[in-house]
Amino acid sequence: MKSARKIGRKQTRGAALLVAMLVVVLVASFATAVLWQQWRAVEVEAAERARAQSAWLLAGALDWSRLILREDVRTSSVDNLNEPWAVPLAEARLSSFLAADKNISSDMLAGLPDVFLSGRIADAQAKLNIANLIGSTNPASPAVAAFTKLFQLLGLPPADLQRLITGVQQASAANGNNGNVPLMPQRLRQLMWFGLSPQTIAALESHVTILPAATPLNVNTASAEVLAASLPSLDLSSAQRLVLQRTLRPFNTLAAAQAAMPESAAQLVEGQHSVNTAYFEVTGRLRLDKNWVEEHSLLRREDIRVNIVWRERSAGMTPPAGKPNPGLLSP
């Protein structure tokens, strides 16, 4: 009898111990879950704060670019690569900009992470504009002739040129009403919609752009290849000499540019060429360690008004040396 009671007490103590252990496990699990949720909330909040701060800083850089372009047009109606807007901002610590503010003390900057800012303003009309191909089907038309010569200078496949011209004509004629026809690209990488190869698109990046409307080419900022392409009878070596000459003395008028060209070159035409620009591309980049955020914008300047046409932002991580780039973290 006593033996049975002892066994019962042992079983009761064993069950109590098991229940206590189970309670401890449950409490530990709940505590772990709560801690993880708190950690996750802190991480999300930190990421959102960093995103908001990056957006604020890049927006400030864009506003500064707009101010530079407004002040530029107040002083001169001619745009060239010797002007302040054309000087890129090399990567510099953000704290160095803040330290220049008299309202910010050095104590407030102590302990801040090293964030680097860089950027540049580029003349969008220094490139051949794909929008100029709209309505140009005749091989002798200036836009088609310019793209044909550029493809020849770059050694690109004629088939890709035909795909480009046909695609632009079909997209502009369809106006988005035909589901079998690609939409009109807004960015150069979207030329793959027309069937152009990635290699061709990469080769065109430095020489071709897509703007909202047809535009003249700025002879003060275009590369030698683009200048040569824009004039059927201008060879590349002559275009290179022209680029060297304008570096020393930019052209104030089309007549001055025409006078600097060889006699064999075709006549510069108002509306196809110019010495000023309305569209500018702005790139701003923030880097913290290996992580970066970049914003690319297109601005249109009308008199002293500088409006934003579009903005796009990307983020990523710079891979260690010898390792492939993992690509964008967010489009």
C-alpha atoms as a PDB file:
ATOM      1  CA  MET A   1       0.000   0.000   0.000  1.00  0.00           C
ATOM      2  CA  LYS A   2       2.792   2.349   1.011  1.00  0.00           C
ATOM      3  CA  SER A   3       4.690   1.369  -2.106  1.00  0.00           C
ATOM      4  CA  ALA A   4       1.684   2.319  -4.269  1.00  0.00           C
ATOM      5  CA  ARG A   5       1.445   5.757  -2.585  1.00  0.00           C
ATOM      6  CA  LYS A   6       5.177   6.375  -3.120  1.00  0.00           C
ATOM      7  CA  ILE A   7       4.829   5.487  -6.795  1.00  0.00           C
ATOM      8  CA  GLY A   8       1.828   7.840  -7.105  1.00  0.00           C
ATOM      9  CA  ARG A   9       3.750  10.702  -5.501  1.00  0.00           C
ATOM     10  CA  LYS A  10       6.692  10.125  -7.827  1.00  0.00           C
ATOM     11  CA  GLN A  11       4.388  10.152 -10.854  1.00  0.00           C
ATOM     12  CA  THR A  12       2.753  13.364  -9.623  1.00  0.00           C
ATOM     13  CA  ARG A  13       6.142  15.034  -9.130  1.00  0.00           C
ATOM     14  CA  GLY A  14       7.243  13.838 -12.574  1.00  0.00           C
ATOM     15  CA  ALA A  15       4.097  15.234 -14.199  1.00  0.00           C
ATOM     16  CA  ALA A  16       4.555  18.564 -12.355  1.00  0.00           C
ATOM     17  CA  LEU A  17       8.179  18.748 -13.472  1.00  0.00           C
ATOM     18  CA  LEU A  18       7.141  18.030 -17.058  1.00  0.00           C
ATOM     19  CA  VAL A  19       4.471  20.745 -16.915  1.00  0.00           C
ATOM     20  CA  ALA A  20       6.986  23.210 -15.440  1.00  0.00           C
ATOM     21  CA  MET A  21       9.470  22.441 -18.204  1.00  0.00           C
ATOM     22  CA  LEU A  22       6.752  22.867 -20.803  1.00  0.00           C
ATOM     23  CA  VAL A  23       5.782  26.234 -19.313  1.00  0.00           C
ATOM     24  CA  VAL A  24       9.419  27.345 -19.371  1.00  0.00           C
ATOM     25  CA  VAL A  25       9.721  26.336 -23.039  1.00  0.00           C
ATOM     26  CA  LEU A  26       6.516  28.182 -23.921  1.00  0.00           C
ATOM     27  CA  VAL A  27       7.601  31.314 -22.040  1.00  0.00           C
ATOM     28  CA  ALA A  28      11.017  31.203 -23.694  1.00  0.00           C
ATOM     29  CA  SER A  29       9.391  30.789 -27.115  1.00  0.00           C
ATOM     30  CA  PHE A  30       7.038  33.706 -26.529  1.00  0.00           C
ATOM     31  CA  ALA A  31       9.901  35.859 -25.255  1.00  0.00           C
ATOM     32  CA  THR A  32      12.009  34.982 -28.290  1.00  0.00           C
ATOM     33  CA  ALA A  33       9.113  35.816 -30.609  1.00  0.00           C
ATOM     34  CA  VAL A  34       8.571  39.169 -28.881  1.00  0.00           C
ATOM     35  CA  LEU A  35      12.274  40.016 -29.041  1.00  0.00           C
ATOM     36  CA  TRP A  36      12.409  39.083 -32.740  1.00  0.00           C
ATOM     37  CA  GLN A  37       9.390  41.248 -33.489  1.00  0.00           C
ATOM     38  CA  GLN A  38      10.949  44.160 -31.614  1.00  0.00           C
ATOM     39  CA  TRP A  39      14.245  43.679 -33.454  1.00  0.00           C
ATOM     40  CA  ARG A  40      12.408  43.466 -36.761  1.00  0.00           C
ATOM     41  CA  ALA A  41      10.443  46.627 -35.987  1.00  0.00           C
ATOM     42  CA  VAL A  42      13.667  48.468 -35.142  1.00  0.00           C
ATOM     43  CA  GLU A  43      15.285  47.276 -38.381  1.00  0.00           C
ATOM     44  CA  VAL A  44      12.265  48.317 -40.461  1.00  0.00           C
ATOM     45  CA  GLU A  45      12.164  51.706 -38.744  1.00  0.00           C
ATOM     46  CA  ALA A  46      15.888  52.214 -39.305  1.00  0.00           C
ATOM     47  CA  ALA A  47      15.578  51.246 -42.967  1.00  0.00           C
ATOM     48  CA  GLU A  48      12.615  53.570 -43.456  1.00  0.00           C
ATOM     49  CA  ARG A  49      14.473  56.397 -41.718  1.00  0.00           C
ATOM     50  CA  ALA A  50      17.512  55.812 -43.925  1.00  0.00           C
ATOM     51  CA  ARG A  51      15.303  55.746 -47.021  1.00  0.00           C
ATOM     52  CA  ALA A  52      13.599  58.998 -46.026  1.00  0.00           C
ATOM     53  CA  GLN A  53      16.933  60.666 -45.262  1.00  0.00           C
ATOM     54  CA  SER A  54      18.400  59.509 -48.583  1.00  0.00           C
ATOM     55  CA  ALA A  55      15.351  60.816 -50.445  1.00  0.00           C
ATOM     56  CA  TRP A  56      15.648  64.152 -48.656  1.00  0.00           C
ATOM     57  CA  LEU A  57      19.352  64.501 -49.426  1.00  0.00           C
ATOM     58  CA  LEU A  58      18.957  63.532 -53.085  1.00  0.00           C
ATOM     59  CA  ALA A  59      15.996  65.898 -53.451  1.00  0.00           C
ATOM     60  CA  GLY A  60      18.177  68.664 -52.044  1.00  0.00           C
ATOM     61  CA  ALA A  61      20.914  67.826 -54.553  1.00  0.00           C
ATOM     62  CA  LEU A  62      18.364  67.956 -57.381  1.00  0.00           C
ATOM     63  CA  ASP A  63      17.094  71.349 -56.224  1.00  0.00           C
ATOM     64  CA  TRP A  64      20.680  72.590 -56.155  1.00  0.00           C
ATOM     65  CA  SER A  65      21.115  71.410 -59.759  1.00  0.00           C
ATOM     66  CA  ARG A  66      17.974  73.287 -60.792  1.00  0.00           C
ATOM     67  CA  LEU A  67      19.330  76.421 -59.139  1.00  0.00           C
ATOM     68  CA  ILE A  68      22.618  76.097 -61.037  1.00  0.00           C
ATOM     69  CA  LEU A  69      20.762  75.778 -64.350  1.00  0.00           C
ATOM     70  CA  ARG A  70      18.548  78.765 -63.559  1.00  0.00           C
ATOM     71  CA  GLU A  71      21.542  80.921 -62.729  1.00  0.00           C
ATOM     72  CA  ASP A  72      23.344  79.708 -65.846  1.00  0.00           C
ATOM     73  CA  VAL A  73      20.624  80.927 -68.202  1.00  0.00           C
ATOM     74  CA  ARG A  74      20.610  84.323 -66.472  1.00  0.00           C
ATOM     75  CA  THR A  75      24.244  84.882 -67.451  1.00  0.00           C
ATOM     76  CA  SER A  76      24.370  83.288 -70.901  1.00  0.00           C
ATOM     77  CA  SER A  77      22.078  81.847 -73.563  1.00  0.00           C
ATOM     78  CA  VAL A  78      24.864  79.569 -74.820  1.00  0.00           C
ATOM     79  CA  ASP A  79      25.570  76.182 -73.211  1.00  0.00           C
ATOM     80  CA  ASN A  80      29.013  74.592 -73.358  1.00  0.00           C
ATOM     81  CA  LEU A  81      31.247  72.292 -71.337  1.00  0.00           C
ATOM     82  CA  ASN A  82      33.242  75.159 -69.808  1.00  0.00           C
ATOM     83  CA  GLU A  83      30.301  76.321 -67.694  1.00  0.00           C
ATOM     84  CA  PRO A  84      29.835  75.545 -63.951  1.00  0.00           C
ATOM     85  CA  TRP A  85      26.943  73.111 -64.537  1.00  0.00           C
ATOM     86  CA  ALA A  86      29.249  70.852 -66.572  1.00  0.00           C
ATOM     87  CA  VAL A  87      31.713  70.331 -63.691  1.00  0.00           C
ATOM     88  CA  PRO A  88      30.896  67.014 -61.963  1.00  0.00           C
ATOM     89  CA  LEU A  89      30.823  66.723 -58.184  1.00  0.00           C
ATOM     90  CA  ALA A  90      33.448  64.170 -57.225  1.00  0.00           C
ATOM     91  CA  GLU A  91      32.590  61.855 -54.350  1.00  0.00           C
ATOM     92  CA  ALA A  92      32.971  63.770 -51.096  1.00  0.00           C
ATOM     93  CA  ARG A  93      31.984  63.252 -47.466  1.00  0.00           C
ATOM     94  CA  LEU A  94      28.594  64.678 -46.682  1.00  0.00           C
ATOM     95  CA  SER A  95      29.948  65.950 -43.360  1.00  0.00           C
ATOM     96  CA  SER A  96      32.256  68.296 -45.271  1.00  0.00           C
ATOM     97  CA  PHE A  97      29.204  70.022 -46.765  1.00  0.00           C
ATOM     98  CA  LEU A  98      27.499  70.213 -43.378  1.00  0.00           C
ATOM     99  CA  ALA A  99      30.638  71.585 -41.746  1.00  0.00           C
ATOM    100  CA  ALA A 100      30.475  74.533 -44.116  1.00  0.00           C
ATOM    101  CA  ASP A 101      27.136  75.517 -42.585  1.00  0.00           C
ATOM    102  CA  LYS A 102      27.738  78.084 -39.849  1.00  0.00           C
ATOM    103  CA  ASN A 103      24.673  76.853 -37.966  1.00  0.00           C
ATOM    104  CA  ILE A 104      26.117  73.354 -37.490  1.00  0.00           C
ATOM    105  CA  SER A 105      28.871  72.874 -34.942  1.00  0.00           C
ATOM    106  CA  SER A 106      31.630  70.282 -35.204  1.00  0.00           C
ATOM    107  CA  ASP A 107      30.311  68.590 -32.034  1.00  0.00           C
ATOM    108  CA  MET A 108      27.043  67.831 -33.832  1.00  0.00           C
ATOM    109  CA  LEU A 109      28.972  66.089 -36.624  1.00  0.00           C
ATOM    110  CA  ALA A 110      30.997  63.897 -34.273  1.00  0.00           C
ATOM    111  CA  GLY A 111      30.077  60.243 -34.482  1.00  0.00           C
ATOM    112  CA  LEU A 112      28.137  60.555 -37.734  1.00  0.00           C
ATOM    113  CA  PRO A 113      28.735  57.728 -40.263  1.00  0.00           C
ATOM    114  CA  ASP A 114      30.800  58.473 -43.364  1.00  0.00           C
ATOM    115  CA  VAL A 115      28.227  59.152 -46.073  1.00  0.00           C
ATOM    116  CA  PHE A 116      29.574  60.166 -49.481  1.00  0.00           C
ATOM    117  CA  LEU A 117      27.768  62.292 -52.063  1.00  0.00           C
ATOM    118  CA  SER A 118      28.571  62.617 -55.770  1.00  0.00           C
ATOM    119  CA  GLY A 119      26.709  63.837 -58.832  1.00  0.00           C
ATOM    120  CA  ARG A 120      26.778  65.461 -62.224  1.00  0.00           C
ATOM    121  CA  ILE A 121      24.695  67.419 -64.716  1.00  0.00           C
ATOM    122  CA  ALA A 122      24.883  66.300 -68.345  1.00  0.00           C
ATOM    123  CA  ASP A 123      23.550  67.887 -71.511  1.00  0.00           C
ATOM    124  CA  ALA A 124      20.831  65.551 -72.818  1.00  0.00           C
ATOM    125  CA  GLN A 125      20.986  67.297 -76.198  1.00  0.00           C
ATOM    126  CA  ALA A 126      24.598  66.266 -76.652  1.00  0.00           C
ATOM    127  CA  LYS A 127      23.261  62.962 -78.009  1.00  0.00           C
ATOM    128  CA  LEU A 128      21.135  61.878 -80.954  1.00  0.00           C
ATOM    129  CA  ASN A 129      17.496  61.914 -79.878  1.00  0.00           C
ATOM    130  CA  ILE A 130      15.407  58.885 -80.818  1.00  0.00           C
ATOM    131  CA  ALA A 131      12.305  61.101 -80.730  1.00  0.00           C
ATOM    132  CA  ASN A 132      13.693  62.770 -83.876  1.00  0.00           C
ATOM    133  CA  LEU A 133      12.995  59.512 -85.760  1.00  0.00           C
ATOM    134  CA  ILE A 134       9.239  59.874 -85.312  1.00  0.00           C
ATOM    135  CA  GLY A 135       7.793  60.604 -88.722  1.00  0.00           C
ATOM    136  CA  SER A 136      11.170  60.095 -90.443  1.00  0.00           C
ATOM    137  CA  THR A 137      10.876  57.069 -92.736  1.00  0.00           C
ATOM    138  CA  ASN A 138      12.893  58.350 -95.710  1.00  0.00           C
ATOM    139  CA  PRO A 139      16.531  57.107 -95.537  1.00  0.00           C
ATOM    140  CA  ALA A 140      17.602  60.566 -96.720  1.00  0.00           C
ATOM    141  CA  SER A 141      15.858  62.365 -93.847  1.00  0.00           C
ATOM    142  CA  PRO A 142      18.324  64.007 -91.412  1.00  0.00           C
ATOM    143  CA  ALA A 143      17.368  61.858 -88.393  1.00  0.00           C
ATOM    144  CA  VAL A 144      17.536  58.524 -90.227  1.00  0.00           C
ATOM    145  CA  ALA A 145      20.771  59.546 -91.953  1.00  0.00           C
ATOM    146  CA  ALA A 146      22.324  60.525 -88.605  1.00  0.00           C
ATOM    147  CA  PHE A 147      21.429  57.223 -86.929  1.00  0.00           C
ATOM    148  CA  THR A 148      22.586  55.275 -89.984  1.00  0.00           C
ATOM    149  CA  LYS A 149      25.993  56.963 -89.919  1.00  0.00           C
ATOM    150  CA  LEU A 150      26.303  56.532 -86.130  1.00  0.00           C
ATOM    151  CA  PHE A 151      25.651  52.786 -86.436  1.00  0.00           C
ATOM    152  CA  GLN A 152      28.353  52.640 -89.108  1.00  0.00           C
ATOM    153  CA  LEU A 153      30.855  54.574 -86.981  1.00  0.00           C
ATOM    154  CA  LEU A 154      30.205  52.309 -83.984  1.00  0.00           C
ATOM    155  CA  GLY A 155      30.241  49.121 -86.080  1.00  0.00           C
ATOM    156  CA  LEU A 156      26.734  48.111 -84.992  1.00  0.00           C
ATOM    157  CA  PRO A 157      24.522  45.660 -86.938  1.00  0.00           C
ATOM    158  CA  PRO A 158      22.381  47.264 -89.676  1.00  0.00           C
ATOM    159  CA  ALA A 159      19.578  44.888 -88.674  1.00  0.00           C
ATOM    160  CA  ASP A 160      19.377  46.572 -85.247  1.00  0.00           C
ATOM    161  CA  LEU A 161      19.172  49.971 -86.966  1.00  0.00           C
ATOM    162  CA  GLN A 162      16.223  48.779 -89.043  1.00  0.00           C
ATOM    163  CA  ARG A 163      14.554  47.356 -85.931  1.00  0.00           C
ATOM    164  CA  LEU A 164      14.998  50.711 -84.206  1.00  0.00           C
ATOM    165  CA  ILE A 165      13.537  52.777 -87.055  1.00  0.00           C
ATOM    166  CA  THR A 166      10.646  50.374 -87.660  1.00  0.00           C
ATOM    167  CA  GLY A 167       9.896  50.073 -83.950  1.00  0.00           C
ATOM    168  CA  VAL A 168       9.787  53.852 -83.425  1.00  0.00           C
ATOM    169  CA  GLN A 169       7.494  54.343 -86.418  1.00  0.00           C
ATOM    170  CA  GLN A 170       5.114  51.570 -85.360  1.00  0.00           C
ATOM    171  CA  ALA A 171       5.025  52.654 -81.716  1.00  0.00           C
ATOM    172  CA  SER A 172       4.379  56.302 -82.577  1.00  0.00           C
ATOM    173  CA  ALA A 173       1.683  55.411 -85.143  1.00  0.00           C
ATOM    174  CA  ALA A 174      -0.089  52.948 -82.839  1.00  0.00           C
ATOM    175  CA  ASN A 175      -0.098  55.440 -79.943  1.00  0.00           C
ATOM    176  CA  GLY A 176      -0.670  52.574 -77.487  1.00  0.00           C
ATOM    177  CA  ASN A 177      -3.916  51.396 -79.141  1.00  0.00           C
ATOM    178  CA  ASN A 178      -2.513  48.245 -80.711  1.00  0.00           C
ATOM    179  CA  GLY A 179      -1.586  45.532 -78.257  1.00  0.00           C
ATOM    180  CA  ASN A 180       0.642  43.818 -80.840  1.00  0.00           C
ATOM    181  CA  VAL A 181       2.933  46.854 -81.148  1.00  0.00           C
ATOM    182  CA  PRO A 182       5.472  47.781 -78.419  1.00  0.00           C
ATOM    183  CA  LEU A 183       4.995  50.999 -76.496  1.00  0.00           C
ATOM    184  CA  MET A 184       7.295  53.917 -77.177  1.00  0.00           C
ATOM    185  CA  PRO A 185      10.368  53.468 -74.932  1.00  0.00           C
ATOM    186  CA  GLN A 186      11.062  56.105 -72.295  1.00  0.00           C
ATOM    187  CA  ARG A 187      14.528  54.847 -71.326  1.00  0.00           C
ATOM    188  CA  LEU A 188      17.319  53.553 -73.534  1.00  0.00           C
ATOM    189  CA  ARG A 189      17.327  50.101 -71.925  1.00  0.00           C
ATOM    190  CA  GLN A 190      13.732  49.667 -73.124  1.00  0.00           C
ATOM    191  CA  LEU A 191      14.922  49.521 -76.738  1.00  0.00           C
ATOM    192  CA  MET A 192      14.983  45.768 -76.224  1.00  0.00           C
ATOM    193  CA  TRP A 193      11.225  46.012 -76.823  1.00  0.00           C
ATOM    194  CA  PHE A 194      12.108  46.608 -80.476  1.00  0.00           C
ATOM    195  CA  GLY A 195      14.431  43.610 -80.535  1.00  0.00           C
ATOM    196  CA  LEU A 196      17.759  45.432 -80.236  1.00  0.00           C
ATOM    197  CA  SER A 197      20.509  43.350 -78.667  1.00  0.00           C
ATOM    198  CA  PRO A 198      21.929  44.247 -75.222  1.00  0.00           C
ATOM    199  CA  GLN A 199      25.335  44.791 -76.858  1.00  0.00           C
ATOM    200  CA  THR A 200      23.904  47.379 -79.260  1.00  0.00           C
ATOM    201  CA  ILE A 201      22.036  49.179 -76.482  1.00  0.00           C
ATOM    202  CA  ALA A 202      25.203  49.323 -74.352  1.00  0.00           C
ATOM    203  CA  ALA A 203      27.180  50.777 -77.284  1.00  0.00           C
ATOM    204  CA  LEU A 204      24.520  53.452 -77.867  1.00  0.00           C
ATOM    205  CA  GLU A 205      24.343  54.661 -74.257  1.00  0.00           C
ATOM    206  CA  SER A 206      27.044  57.314 -74.674  1.00  0.00           C
ATOM    207  CA  HIS A 207      25.650  58.633 -77.961  1.00  0.00           C
ATOM    208  CA  VAL A 208      21.858  58.268 -77.951  1.00  0.00           C
ATOM    209  CA  THR A 209      19.013  59.429 -75.707  1.00  0.00           C
ATOM    210  CA  ILE A 210      15.204  59.441 -75.641  1.00  0.00           C
ATOM    211  CA  LEU A 211      13.594  62.802 -74.926  1.00  0.00           C
ATOM    212  CA  PRO A 212       9.892  63.710 -74.791  1.00  0.00           C
ATOM    213  CA  ALA A 213      10.084  65.681 -78.060  1.00  0.00           C
ATOM    214  CA  ALA A 214      12.343  66.210 -81.064  1.00  0.00           C
ATOM    215  CA  THR A 215      15.369  68.365 -80.220  1.00  0.00           C
ATOM    216  CA  PRO A 216      18.368  69.913 -82.001  1.00  0.00           C
ATOM    217  CA  LEU A 217      21.894  68.718 -81.284  1.00  0.00           C
ATOM    218  CA  ASN A 218      24.111  71.063 -79.247  1.00  0.00           C
ATOM    219  CA  VAL A 219      27.362  71.379 -81.220  1.00  0.00           C
ATOM    220  CA  ASN A 220      29.109  72.712 -78.090  1.00  0.00           C
ATOM    221  CA  THR A 221      28.601  69.510 -76.095  1.00  0.00           C
ATOM    222  CA  ALA A 222      28.184  66.623 -78.566  1.00  0.00           C
ATOM    223  CA  SER A 223      30.932  64.029 -78.872  1.00  0.00           C
ATOM    224  CA  ALA A 224      33.009  63.735 -82.046  1.00  0.00           C
ATOM    225  CA  GLU A 225      31.113  60.584 -83.055  1.00  0.00           C
ATOM    226  CA  VAL A 226      27.724  62.255 -82.651  1.00  0.00           C
ATOM    227  CA  LEU A 227      28.857  65.402 -84.489  1.00  0.00           C
ATOM    228  CA  ALA A 228      30.168  63.330 -87.376  1.00  0.00           C
ATOM    229  CA  ALA A 229      26.932  61.338 -87.472  1.00  0.00           C
ATOM    230  CA  SER A 230      24.797  64.483 -87.549  1.00  0.00           C
ATOM    231  CA  LEU A 231      26.459  65.733 -90.762  1.00  0.00           C
ATOM    232  CA  PRO A 232      26.720  63.230 -93.637  1.00  0.00           C
ATOM    233  CA  SER A 233      29.887  64.757 -95.135  1.00  0.00           C
ATOM    234  CA  LEU A 234      31.757  65.409 -91.855  1.00  0.00           C
ATOM    235  CA  ASP A 235      34.394  62.743 -91.192  1.00  0.00           C
ATOM    236  CA  LEU A 236      35.388  61.641 -87.699  1.00  0.00           C
ATOM    237  CA  SER A 237      38.858  63.211 -87.718  1.00  0.00           C
ATOM    238  CA  SER A 238      37.393  66.601 -88.663  1.00  0.00           C
ATOM    239  CA  ALA A 239      34.791  66.228 -85.913  1.00  0.00           C
ATOM    240  CA  GLN A 240      37.569  65.506 -83.413  1.00  0.00           C
ATOM    241  CA  ARG A 241      39.422  68.677 -84.442  1.00  0.00           C
ATOM    242  CA  LEU A 242      36.168  70.593 -84.038  1.00  0.00           C
ATOM    243  CA  VAL A 243      35.768  69.248 -80.492  1.00  0.00           C
ATOM    244  CA  LEU A 244      39.324  70.320 -79.662  1.00  0.00           C
ATOM    245  CA  GLN A 245      38.737  73.781 -81.083  1.00  0.00           C
ATOM    246  CA  ARG A 246      35.514  74.392 -79.157  1.00  0.00           C
ATOM    247  CA  THR A 247      37.255  73.352 -75.915  1.00  0.00           C
ATOM    248  CA  LEU A 248      39.436  76.436 -76.244  1.00  0.00           C
ATOM    249  CA  ARG A 249      36.683  78.674 -77.537  1.00  0.00           C
ATOM    250  CA  PRO A 250      33.038  77.483 -77.456  1.00  0.00           C
ATOM    251  CA  PHE A 251      30.779  78.513 -80.308  1.00  0.00           C
ATOM    252  CA  ASN A 252      28.420  81.374 -79.500  1.00  0.00           C
ATOM    253  CA  THR A 253      26.403  80.946 -82.694  1.00  0.00           C
ATOM    254  CA  LEU A 254      25.790  78.326 -85.362  1.00  0.00           C
ATOM    255  CA  ALA A 255      27.546  80.632 -87.812  1.00  0.00           C
ATOM    256  CA  ALA A 256      30.708  80.493 -85.664  1.00  0.00           C
ATOM    257  CA  ALA A 257      30.505  76.706 -85.587  1.00  0.00           C
ATOM    258  CA  GLN A 258      29.967  76.587 -89.343  1.00  0.00           C
ATOM    259  CA  ALA A 259      33.021  78.774 -89.911  1.00  0.00           C
ATOM    260  CA  ALA A 260      35.162  76.340 -87.911  1.00  0.00           C
ATOM    261  CA  MET A 261      34.127  73.360 -90.021  1.00  0.00           C
ATOM    262  CA  PRO A 262      35.927  72.177 -93.135  1.00  0.00           C
ATOM    263  CA  GLU A 263      34.483  73.338 -96.450  1.00  0.00           C
ATOM    264  CA  SER A 264      33.401  69.788 -97.266  1.00  0.00           C
ATOM    265  CA  ALA A 265      31.077  69.638 -94.244  1.00  0.00           C
ATOM    266  CA  ALA A 266      27.368  70.115 -94.787  1.00  0.00           C
ATOM    267  CA  GLN A 267      25.572  73.248 -93.695  1.00  0.00           C
ATOM    268  CA  LEU A 268      24.443  73.424 -90.074  1.00  0.00           C
ATOM    269  CA  VAL A 269      20.675  73.855 -90.005  1.00  0.00           C
ATOM    270  CA  GLU A 270      18.685  75.723 -87.388  1.00  0.00           C
ATOM    271  CA  GLY A 271      16.364  73.235 -85.712  1.00  0.00           C
ATOM    272  CA  GLN A 272      18.761  70.329 -86.293  1.00  0.00           C
ATOM    273  CA  HIS A 273      21.725  71.934 -84.529  1.00  0.00           C
ATOM    274  CA  SER A 274      22.037  74.568 -81.813  1.00  0.00           C
ATOM    275  CA  VAL A 275      24.439  76.137 -79.309  1.00  0.00           C
ATOM    276  CA  ASN A 276      22.067  75.911 -76.331  1.00  0.00           C
ATOM    277  CA  THR A 277      20.104  73.245 -74.516  1.00  0.00           C
ATOM    278  CA  ALA A 278      16.696  72.759 -72.942  1.00  0.00           C
ATOM    279  CA  TYR A 279      17.030  69.207 -71.550  1.00  0.00           C
ATOM    280  CA  PHE A 280      19.561  68.140 -68.910  1.00  0.00           C
ATOM    281  CA  GLU A 281      20.175  64.830 -67.140  1.00  0.00           C
ATOM    282  CA  VAL A 282      21.041  64.941 -63.431  1.00  0.00           C
ATOM    283  CA  THR A 283      22.580  62.051 -61.505  1.00  0.00           C
ATOM    284  CA  GLY A 284      22.988  62.046 -57.711  1.00  0.00           C
ATOM    285  CA  ARG A 285      24.528  59.231 -55.703  1.00  0.00           C
ATOM    286  CA  LEU A 286      24.801  58.583 -51.943  1.00  0.00           C
ATOM    287  CA  ARG A 287      27.145  55.901 -50.624  1.00  0.00           C
ATOM    288  CA  LEU A 288      27.463  54.475 -47.132  1.00  0.00           C
ATOM    289  CA  ASP A 289      30.204  51.859 -46.971  1.00  0.00           C
ATOM    290  CA  LYS A 290      29.310  49.404 -49.783  1.00  0.00           C
ATOM    291  CA  ASN A 291      25.635  50.413 -49.983  1.00  0.00           C
ATOM    292  CA  TRP A 292      24.519  53.118 -52.395  1.00  0.00           C
ATOM    293  CA  VAL A 293      21.395  54.950 -53.497  1.00  0.00           C
ATOM    294  CA  GLU A 294      21.301  56.693 -56.868  1.00  0.00           C
ATOM    295  CA  GLU A 295      18.742  59.029 -58.416  1.00  0.00           C
ATOM    296  CA  HIS A 296      18.575  59.861 -62.106  1.00  0.00           C
ATOM    297  CA  SER A 297      16.428  62.764 -63.328  1.00  0.00           C
ATOM    298  CA  LEU A 298      15.577  64.572 -66.530  1.00  0.00           C
ATOM    299  CA  LEU A 299      15.075  68.348 -66.321  1.00  0.00           C
ATOM    300  CA  ARG A 300      13.630  70.728 -68.885  1.00  0.00           C
ATOM    301  CA  ARG A 301      14.636  74.368 -68.787  1.00  0.00           C
ATOM    302  CA  GLU A 302      12.301  76.992 -70.242  1.00  0.00           C
ATOM    303  CA  ASP A 303      13.664  80.507 -69.712  1.00  0.00           C
ATOM    304  CA  ILE A 304      14.416  80.539 -65.969  1.00  0.00           C
ATOM    305  CA  ARG A 305      11.934  77.775 -65.156  1.00  0.00           C
ATOM    306  CA  VAL A 306      13.527  74.365 -64.636  1.00  0.00           C
ATOM    307  CA  ASN A 307      10.938  71.580 -64.399  1.00  0.00           C
ATOM    308  CA  ILE A 308      11.362  67.907 -63.558  1.00  0.00           C
ATOM    309  CA  VAL A 309      10.294  65.653 -66.445  1.00  0.00           C
ATOM    310  CA  TRP A 310      10.916  62.368 -64.636  1.00  0.00           C
ATOM    311  CA  ARG A 311      12.869  60.906 -61.731  1.00  0.00           C
ATOM    312  CA  GLU A 312      13.912  57.340 -60.968  1.00  0.00           C
ATOM    313  CA  ARG A 313      15.806  55.869 -58.043  1.00  0.00           C
ATOM    314  CA  SER A 314      17.806  52.686 -57.615  1.00  0.00           C
ATOM    315  CA  ALA A 315      19.815  51.134 -54.798  1.00  0.00           C
ATOM    316  CA  GLY A 316      22.430  48.456 -54.570  1.00  0.00           C
ATOM    317  CA  MET A 317      25.631  47.213 -53.028  1.00  0.00           C
ATOM    318  CA  THR A 318      29.146  47.453 -54.391  1.00  0.00           C
ATOM    319  CA  PRO A 319      30.562  43.910 -54.451  1.00  0.00           C
ATOM    320  CA  PRO A 320      33.994  43.085 -53.019  1.00  0.00           C
ATOM    321  CA  ALA A 321      36.866  43.054 -55.513  1.00  0.00           C
ATOM    322  CA  GLY A 322      36.787  39.983 -57.692  1.00  0.00           C
ATOM    323  CA  LYS A 323      33.128  39.195 -57.038  1.00  0.00           C
ATOM    324  CA  PRO A 324      30.247  39.785 -59.468  1.00  0.00           C
ATOM    325  CA  ASN A 325      27.808  42.636 -58.917  1.00  0.00           C
ATOM    326  CA  PRO A 326      24.629  41.306 -57.242  1.00  0.00           C
ATOM    327  CA  GLY A 327      22.601  43.939 -59.103  1.00  0.00           C
ATOM    328  CA  LEU A 328      19.985  46.351 -57.861  1.00  0.00           C
ATOM    329  CA  LEU A 329      18.375  45.805 -54.500  1.00  0.00           C
ATOM    330  CA  SER A 330      15.312  47.826 -55.443  1.00  0.00           C
ATOM    331  CA  PRO A 331      14.220  49.147 -58.824  1.00  0.00           C
END
